[in-house]
Amino acid sequence: MKAGTVMTVAFELDGQTFTALNGGPIFKFNEAISLQVNCETQQEIDYYWQKLSAGGDEKAQQCGWLKDKYGLSWQVVPGILIEMMSGPVSEKSQRAMNAMLQMKKIDIQKLQQAYAG
């Protein structure tokens, strides 16, 4: 590879097309990019969390975020959290947000309990 050559790769995951770009040695890998996994159930959250966090940095786990064994950041997010946080800020959404801030892996039941009061 010649200096200044940019390499790209296109790939597909579960029907979603991605393009990855190697920006060269000037651009270091960091949290500026992450991938989001949208989940509907606690079972899905548990599954993806276990698979993606295996061998990753446990200190980088907070509020549904984790780093995998390659240092890539992921967000494992339940759809219900998006619903709770959309719209104007309310006491309910604030309680759910405060509960989420205490979590590493998102716990849907605890979010629902906080949201309900």
Protein backbone atom coordinates (compact mmCIF):
# COMPACT_ATOMS: atom_id res chain seq x y z
CA MET A 1 0.00 0.00 0.00
CA LYS A 2 1.36 3.41 -0.97
CA ALA A 3 1.47 6.27 1.51
CA GLY A 4 -1.73 8.25 1.34
CA THR A 5 -3.73 5.36 -0.12
CA VAL A 6 -7.22 5.16 1.31
CA MET A 7 -8.77 1.74 1.65
CA THR A 8 -12.51 1.13 1.95
CA VAL A 9 -14.57 -1.97 2.39
CA ALA A 10 -18.32 -2.36 2.01
CA PHE A 11 -20.13 -5.02 4.01
CA GLU A 12 -23.64 -5.98 5.03
CA LEU A 13 -24.92 -7.01 8.45
CA ASP A 14 -28.48 -8.25 8.76
CA GLY A 15 -29.52 -6.40 5.60
CA GLN A 16 -27.85 -3.11 6.60
CA THR A 17 -25.05 -1.91 4.32
CA PHE A 18 -21.93 -0.39 5.91
CA THR A 19 -18.81 1.18 4.45
CA ALA A 20 -15.61 1.23 6.49
CA LEU A 21 -12.79 3.62 5.67
CA ASN A 22 -9.14 3.38 6.68
CA GLY A 23 -8.14 7.01 7.19
CA GLY A 24 -4.48 6.10 7.64
CA PRO A 25 -2.16 6.66 10.61
CA ILE A 26 -3.32 10.25 11.16
CA PHE A 27 -6.75 9.14 12.37
CA LYS A 28 -6.69 7.02 15.50
CA PHE A 29 -9.45 4.58 16.40
CA ASN A 30 -11.73 6.03 19.11
CA GLU A 31 -15.28 6.33 20.42
CA ALA A 32 -16.22 8.85 17.73
CA ILE A 33 -17.83 5.93 15.94
CA SER A 34 -20.03 3.27 17.44
CA LEU A 35 -22.51 0.73 16.21
CA GLN A 36 -25.99 0.50 17.68
CA VAL A 37 -27.90 -2.72 18.24
CA ASN A 38 -31.62 -2.09 18.67
CA CYS A 39 -33.32 -4.71 20.81
CA GLU A 40 -36.94 -5.37 21.66
CA THR A 41 -36.54 -7.79 24.57
CA GLN A 42 -34.28 -8.34 27.57
CA GLN A 43 -33.31 -11.66 26.04
CA GLU A 44 -31.94 -9.85 22.96
CA ILE A 45 -30.08 -7.33 25.14
CA ASP A 46 -28.53 -10.13 27.21
CA TYR A 47 -27.54 -12.07 24.09
CA TYR A 48 -25.83 -9.19 22.27
CA TRP A 49 -24.26 -7.84 25.45
CA GLN A 50 -22.69 -11.21 26.23
CA LYS A 51 -21.40 -11.74 22.69
CA LEU A 52 -20.11 -8.22 22.11
CA SER A 53 -18.57 -7.61 25.53
CA ALA A 54 -16.64 -10.92 25.61
CA GLY A 55 -12.97 -9.99 25.91
CA GLY A 56 -13.75 -6.27 25.87
CA ASP A 57 -12.86 -3.50 28.30
CA GLU A 58 -15.21 -3.81 31.30
CA LYS A 59 -14.33 -0.26 32.38
CA ALA A 60 -15.89 1.00 29.12
CA GLN A 61 -19.33 -0.41 29.98
CA GLN A 62 -21.88 2.22 30.92
CA CYS A 63 -25.49 3.11 30.04
CA GLY A 64 -25.82 0.41 27.38
CA TRP A 65 -22.41 1.19 25.83
CA LEU A 66 -19.58 -1.33 25.67
CA LYS A 67 -16.31 -1.91 23.88
CA ASP A 68 -15.65 -5.22 22.20
CA LYS A 69 -12.33 -7.08 22.19
CA TYR A 70 -11.18 -4.97 19.22
CA GLY A 71 -11.93 -1.66 20.94
CA LEU A 72 -15.03 -0.91 18.86
CA SER A 73 -17.83 0.84 20.76
CA TRP A 74 -21.35 -0.56 20.67
CA GLN A 75 -24.67 0.65 22.02
CA VAL A 76 -27.07 -2.15 22.98
CA VAL A 77 -30.35 -0.28 23.28
CA PRO A 78 -33.94 -1.38 23.88
CA GLY A 79 -36.55 0.30 21.70
CA ILE A 80 -38.58 1.10 24.79
CA LEU A 81 -35.81 3.43 26.02
CA ILE A 82 -36.13 5.51 22.86
CA GLU A 83 -39.89 5.70 23.46
CA MET A 84 -39.38 6.79 27.07
CA MET A 85 -36.92 9.51 26.09
CA SER A 86 -38.75 10.90 23.05
CA GLY A 87 -40.97 13.90 23.46
CA PRO A 88 -40.67 16.63 26.05
CA VAL A 89 -38.72 15.96 29.22
CA SER A 90 -41.03 14.79 31.98
CA GLU A 91 -40.67 13.39 35.47
CA LYS A 92 -41.16 9.93 33.98
CA SER A 93 -38.45 10.32 31.36
CA GLN A 94 -36.10 11.86 33.92
CA ARG A 95 -36.60 8.91 36.29
CA ALA A 96 -35.88 6.48 33.43
CA MET A 97 -32.76 8.46 32.48
CA ASN A 98 -31.51 8.45 36.08
CA ALA A 99 -32.06 4.69 36.28
CA MET A 100 -30.20 4.16 33.00
CA LEU A 101 -27.24 6.22 34.22
CA GLN A 102 -26.76 3.67 37.04
CA MET A 103 -26.63 0.71 34.65
CA LYS A 104 -23.95 -0.94 32.58
CA LYS A 105 -26.15 -3.32 30.59
CA ILE A 106 -29.67 -1.95 30.18
CA ASP A 107 -32.33 -3.67 32.28
CA ILE A 108 -35.74 -3.11 30.68
CA GLN A 109 -37.72 -4.02 33.81
CA LYS A 110 -35.81 -1.52 35.96
CA LEU A 111 -36.31 1.17 33.30
CA GLN A 112 -40.05 0.49 33.23
CA GLN A 113 -40.24 0.57 37.04
CA ALA A 114 -38.40 3.90 37.16
CA TYR A 115 -40.54 5.34 34.38
CA ALA A 116 -43.76 4.29 36.14
CA GLY A 117 -42.57 5.72 39.43
